[in-house]
Amino acid sequence: MARTRGATRAATAPALQSLDFTLDRGSPVPLYYQLAQQLEAAIEHGALAPGNLLGNEIDLSTRLGLSRPTVRQAIQSLVDKGLLVRRRGVGTQVVHSQVKRPLELSSLYDDLEAAGQGPTTRVVRNEREAARADVAAALGVAEGSEVIALERLRLTHGQPVAVLSNYLPATLLELDTDRLESTGLYRMMRTAGITLHSARQTIGARCATAEEAGRLDEQEGAALLTMQRTAYDDTGRPVEYGTHIYRASRYAFDFQLLVRA
């Protein structure tokens, strides 16, 4: 039950019994937002795992000492973010935590693994093809020359989060499909003695096509984050050109901005 002193503390069940929420009724921050933020933090840090049930709104309202509309608004904000889902006859269930990736030259696979997101990969394509104009320009090769073309579906906790298309110079290294499904591309490059040094990257957003929505388990027209990157080794040679799409409901880029004097 909730305890009131100026702030309200409550533990909820069944999945929330081990968590203690602090709801400050004297704060100008709305109670629904306080609850939503603390639920989101619990999901991000793994205290609430995918599949955990929160119970229905009536039970939550009673256990937290909040009105039902307040609890409904908090839950809806996390449903809108794709962190929770309402299931008829079951209640509110945790789906996943959103991936927040630092904006730096790093492997998505390594970042997800370090965050405990359980990354897996399905290689859709691993073949050689003639370089298109944009690929040739990015890699510094002649248009029509042979390049390695990769397409992979990256998943976390069994759910798709990104489609990764990558192009590499044909002579750079041999890429085994089985290894690509068990580790990251950048890790394989490092193992081959390639030292990644810098990259040029562009981030954007657009709506999902019907094909993209089907592959990412989204609705057609859903928001996608896009990223184009050309990576260079320590000699300044372009070694990889990538065009990636990410589910905006499950993925975010994390920026750190510095003030110039």
Protein backbone atom coordinates (compact mmCIF):
# COMPACT_ATOMS: atom_id res chain seq x y z
CA MET A 1 0.00 0.00 0.00
CA ALA A 2 1.05 3.60 -0.49
CA ARG A 3 2.64 5.50 2.35
CA THR A 4 2.08 9.23 2.56
CA ARG A 5 4.41 11.73 4.13
CA GLY A 6 4.65 14.55 1.53
CA ALA A 7 5.96 11.88 -0.82
CA THR A 8 4.19 8.61 -1.52
CA ARG A 9 6.08 5.33 -1.69
CA ALA A 10 4.47 2.19 -3.03
CA ALA A 11 5.43 -1.30 -4.05
CA THR A 12 3.24 -3.03 -6.62
CA ALA A 13 2.61 -6.66 -7.56
CA PRO A 14 3.10 -9.10 -9.15
CA ALA A 15 6.06 -8.03 -11.32
CA LEU A 16 6.62 -4.82 -9.37
CA GLN A 17 6.74 -6.29 -5.84
CA SER A 18 10.50 -5.85 -5.59
CA LEU A 19 10.37 -2.22 -6.77
CA ASP A 20 9.72 0.84 -4.64
CA PHE A 21 8.33 3.92 -6.36
CA THR A 22 8.55 7.43 -4.94
CA LEU A 23 5.62 9.64 -5.97
CA ASP A 24 5.87 13.20 -4.70
CA ARG A 25 2.35 14.61 -4.48
CA GLY A 26 3.68 18.07 -3.68
CA SER A 27 5.81 18.26 -6.82
CA PRO A 28 4.73 20.33 -9.85
CA VAL A 29 5.66 17.28 -11.97
CA PRO A 30 2.42 15.40 -12.78
CA LEU A 31 2.01 12.09 -10.95
CA TYR A 32 1.44 10.18 -14.20
CA TYR A 33 4.79 11.46 -15.50
CA GLN A 34 6.60 10.53 -12.26
CA LEU A 35 5.19 7.01 -12.49
CA ALA A 36 5.98 6.68 -16.21
CA GLN A 37 9.58 7.84 -15.71
CA GLN A 38 10.18 5.36 -12.88
CA LEU A 39 8.61 2.51 -14.83
CA GLU A 40 10.74 3.36 -17.85
CA ALA A 41 13.89 3.43 -15.72
CA ALA A 42 13.02 0.02 -14.27
CA ILE A 43 12.61 -1.37 -17.81
CA GLU A 44 15.84 0.21 -19.06
CA HIS A 45 17.87 -1.15 -16.13
CA GLY A 46 16.38 -4.64 -16.36
CA ALA A 47 14.42 -4.56 -13.11
CA LEU A 48 11.36 -5.16 -15.29
CA ALA A 49 12.18 -7.70 -17.97
CA PRO A 50 10.42 -8.43 -21.27
CA GLY A 51 7.34 -10.55 -20.53
CA ASN A 52 6.78 -9.24 -16.99
CA LEU A 53 3.15 -8.42 -16.20
CA LEU A 54 2.20 -5.22 -14.39
CA GLY A 55 -1.40 -6.16 -13.73
CA ASN A 56 -4.46 -4.22 -14.81
CA GLU A 57 -5.13 -0.52 -14.23
CA ILE A 58 -7.55 -1.06 -11.35
CA ASP A 59 -5.04 -3.20 -9.42
CA LEU A 60 -2.24 -0.74 -10.10
CA SER A 61 -4.38 2.20 -9.03
CA THR A 62 -5.24 0.50 -5.75
CA ARG A 63 -1.71 -0.62 -4.96
CA LEU A 64 -0.15 2.75 -5.84
CA GLY A 65 -2.83 4.89 -4.24
CA LEU A 66 -3.42 6.74 -7.51
CA SER A 67 -6.49 7.44 -9.56
CA ARG A 68 -7.19 5.12 -12.46
CA PRO A 69 -6.87 7.94 -15.08
CA THR A 70 -3.41 8.78 -13.69
CA VAL A 71 -2.23 5.19 -14.01
CA ARG A 72 -3.83 4.87 -17.45
CA GLN A 73 -2.01 7.99 -18.68
CA ALA A 74 1.34 6.73 -17.37
CA ILE A 75 0.88 3.35 -19.00
CA GLN A 76 -0.30 4.85 -22.28
CA SER A 77 2.82 7.02 -22.51
CA LEU A 78 4.97 3.86 -22.30
CA VAL A 79 2.71 1.98 -24.71
CA ASP A 80 3.23 4.85 -27.16
CA LYS A 81 7.00 4.45 -26.73
CA GLY A 82 6.74 0.74 -27.43
CA LEU A 83 7.91 -0.30 -23.96
CA LEU A 84 4.59 -1.79 -22.78
CA VAL A 85 1.73 -3.55 -24.50
CA ARG A 86 -1.85 -4.12 -23.36
CA ARG A 87 -3.06 -7.70 -23.87
CA ARG A 88 -6.76 -8.54 -23.57
CA GLY A 89 -7.39 -10.92 -20.69
CA VAL A 90 -3.76 -10.68 -19.54
CA GLY A 91 -3.07 -7.08 -18.57
CA THR A 92 -0.15 -4.77 -19.20
CA GLN A 93 3.08 -6.48 -20.20
CA VAL A 94 6.67 -5.30 -20.62
CA VAL A 95 7.82 -5.68 -24.21
CA HIS A 96 11.41 -4.43 -24.17
CA SER A 97 13.61 -1.51 -23.28
CA GLN A 98 14.47 1.02 -25.96
CA VAL A 99 18.00 0.78 -27.26
CA LYS A 100 19.89 4.03 -26.64
CA ARG A 101 23.10 4.00 -28.59
CA PRO A 102 25.95 6.48 -28.08
CA LEU A 103 26.74 8.44 -31.21
CA GLU A 104 30.28 7.25 -31.79
CA LEU A 105 32.22 4.88 -34.03
CA SER A 106 31.11 1.58 -32.54
CA SER A 107 29.44 -1.65 -33.57
CA LEU A 108 25.70 -1.97 -33.00
CA TYR A 109 26.27 -5.61 -32.05
CA ASP A 110 28.89 -4.67 -29.43
CA ASP A 111 26.69 -1.88 -28.03
CA LEU A 112 23.67 -4.17 -27.72
CA GLU A 113 25.72 -6.95 -26.16
CA ALA A 114 27.26 -4.56 -23.61
CA ALA A 115 23.76 -3.30 -22.72
CA GLY A 116 22.51 -6.86 -22.10
CA GLN A 117 20.07 -6.66 -25.01
CA GLY A 118 20.74 -10.20 -26.28
CA PRO A 119 21.55 -9.32 -29.91
CA THR A 120 21.11 -11.86 -32.70
CA THR A 121 21.61 -11.50 -36.43
CA ARG A 122 20.00 -12.97 -39.54
CA VAL A 123 22.12 -12.58 -42.66
CA VAL A 124 19.77 -11.88 -45.55
CA ARG A 125 22.49 -11.33 -48.15
CA ASN A 126 26.26 -11.84 -48.32
CA GLU A 127 27.46 -11.61 -51.89
CA ARG A 128 29.54 -9.64 -54.36
CA GLU A 129 28.01 -7.17 -56.78
CA ALA A 130 28.83 -4.23 -59.01
CA ALA A 131 29.11 -0.99 -57.06
CA ARG A 132 26.33 1.56 -57.56
CA ALA A 133 27.32 5.19 -57.98
CA ASP A 134 26.73 6.10 -54.29
CA VAL A 135 28.57 3.02 -53.03
CA ALA A 136 31.50 3.62 -55.39
CA ALA A 137 31.77 7.25 -54.30
CA ALA A 138 31.72 6.35 -50.61
CA LEU A 139 34.34 3.59 -50.93
CA GLY A 140 36.53 5.44 -53.41
CA VAL A 141 36.29 2.77 -56.12
CA ALA A 142 35.17 2.86 -59.73
CA GLU A 143 31.45 2.60 -60.41
CA GLY A 144 30.63 -0.95 -61.46
CA SER A 145 33.67 -2.47 -59.75
CA GLU A 146 33.13 -5.44 -57.45
CA VAL A 147 32.23 -4.84 -53.79
CA ILE A 148 30.99 -7.02 -50.94
CA ALA A 149 27.28 -6.42 -50.25
CA LEU A 150 25.78 -7.40 -46.90
CA GLU A 151 22.23 -7.18 -45.62
CA ARG A 152 21.41 -8.23 -42.09
CA LEU A 153 18.42 -8.12 -39.75
CA ARG A 154 19.48 -7.30 -36.20
CA LEU A 155 17.23 -8.44 -33.34
CA THR A 156 17.16 -7.94 -29.57
CA HIS A 157 15.33 -10.43 -27.33
CA GLY A 158 14.07 -12.04 -30.54
CA GLN A 159 12.41 -8.85 -31.82
CA PRO A 160 13.69 -6.98 -34.94
CA VAL A 161 15.26 -3.59 -34.30
CA ALA A 162 17.24 -2.73 -37.45
CA VAL A 163 17.99 -3.62 -41.05
CA LEU A 164 21.67 -3.12 -41.83
CA SER A 165 23.00 -2.79 -45.39
CA ASN A 166 26.80 -2.62 -45.65
CA TYR A 167 29.26 -2.44 -48.53
CA LEU A 168 32.99 -3.17 -48.31
CA PRO A 169 35.88 -3.19 -50.82
CA ALA A 170 36.03 -6.61 -52.48
CA THR A 171 39.63 -7.24 -51.40
CA LEU A 172 39.22 -6.14 -47.78
CA LEU A 173 38.47 -9.48 -46.10
CA GLU A 174 36.46 -12.70 -46.42
CA LEU A 175 33.14 -12.59 -44.57
CA ASP A 176 31.73 -15.92 -43.42
CA THR A 177 27.94 -15.89 -43.07
CA ASP A 178 27.93 -18.12 -39.99
CA ARG A 179 30.37 -15.79 -38.22
CA LEU A 180 28.33 -12.76 -39.22
CA GLU A 181 25.35 -14.33 -37.47
CA SER A 182 27.30 -14.90 -34.27
CA THR A 183 29.27 -11.65 -33.96
CA GLY A 184 29.50 -8.09 -35.27
CA LEU A 185 31.00 -6.88 -38.53
CA TYR A 186 33.38 -4.43 -36.84
CA ARG A 187 34.61 -7.18 -34.51
CA MET A 188 35.39 -9.34 -37.54
CA MET A 189 37.24 -6.43 -39.15
CA ARG A 190 39.32 -5.86 -36.03
CA THR A 191 40.16 -9.57 -35.87
CA ALA A 192 41.39 -9.32 -39.47
CA GLY A 193 43.81 -6.56 -38.42
CA ILE A 194 41.75 -3.61 -39.71
CA THR A 195 41.98 -0.62 -37.35
CA LEU A 196 38.89 1.58 -37.54
CA HIS A 197 39.84 5.20 -36.97
CA SER A 198 37.00 7.57 -37.94
CA ALA A 199 33.72 7.87 -39.81
CA ARG A 200 31.39 10.34 -41.47
CA GLN A 201 27.79 9.76 -40.47
CA THR A 202 24.40 11.23 -41.37
CA ILE A 203 21.26 10.58 -39.32
CA GLY A 204 17.71 11.13 -40.57
CA ALA A 205 14.15 9.89 -40.29
CA ARG A 206 11.36 8.77 -42.59
CA CYS A 207 8.30 6.54 -42.75
CA ALA A 208 8.49 2.79 -43.27
CA THR A 209 7.53 1.28 -46.62
CA ALA A 210 5.28 -1.78 -46.62
CA GLU A 211 8.30 -4.06 -47.14
CA GLU A 212 10.33 -2.42 -44.39
CA ALA A 213 7.37 -2.51 -42.00
CA GLY A 214 6.95 -6.24 -42.60
CA ARG A 215 10.60 -6.95 -41.87
CA LEU A 216 10.68 -4.81 -38.73
CA ASP A 217 7.29 -5.87 -37.34
CA GLU A 218 5.92 -2.34 -37.61
CA GLN A 219 2.91 -0.73 -39.29
CA GLU A 220 3.39 0.71 -42.76
CA GLY A 221 4.21 4.40 -42.35
CA ALA A 222 5.73 3.92 -38.89
CA ALA A 223 8.63 6.20 -37.98
CA LEU A 224 12.10 4.92 -38.82
CA LEU A 225 15.49 6.36 -37.94
CA THR A 226 18.03 6.23 -40.77
CA MET A 227 21.80 6.30 -40.72
CA GLN A 228 24.42 6.48 -43.46
CA ARG A 229 28.04 5.96 -42.45
CA THR A 230 31.40 5.71 -44.19
CA ALA A 231 34.12 4.31 -41.93
CA TYR A 232 37.86 4.79 -42.45
CA ASP A 233 40.87 2.87 -41.18
CA ASP A 234 43.98 4.39 -39.62
CA THR A 235 45.49 5.04 -43.07
CA GLY A 236 42.46 7.10 -44.16
CA ARG A 237 41.20 4.37 -46.49
CA PRO A 238 37.38 3.93 -46.65
CA VAL A 239 36.67 0.38 -45.50
CA GLU A 240 32.88 0.29 -45.04
CA TYR A 241 29.79 2.12 -46.23
CA GLY A 242 26.55 1.44 -44.40
CA THR A 243 22.91 2.45 -44.87
CA HIS A 244 20.81 1.37 -41.89
CA ILE A 245 17.20 1.74 -40.78
CA TYR A 246 16.04 1.43 -37.16
CA ARG A 247 12.64 1.17 -35.48
CA ALA A 248 12.11 4.54 -33.80
CA SER A 249 9.88 2.85 -31.21
CA ARG A 250 12.82 0.72 -30.05
CA TYR A 251 15.92 2.69 -30.86
CA ALA A 252 17.45 6.10 -30.21
CA PHE A 253 20.78 7.83 -30.79
CA ASP A 254 22.36 9.41 -27.70
CA PHE A 255 24.22 12.70 -28.25
CA GLN A 256 26.64 14.54 -25.99
CA LEU A 257 26.98 18.19 -26.93
CA LEU A 258 29.92 20.34 -25.86
CA VAL A 259 29.91 24.12 -25.58
CA ARG A 260 32.63 25.87 -27.54
CA ALA A 261 34.41 28.71 -25.78
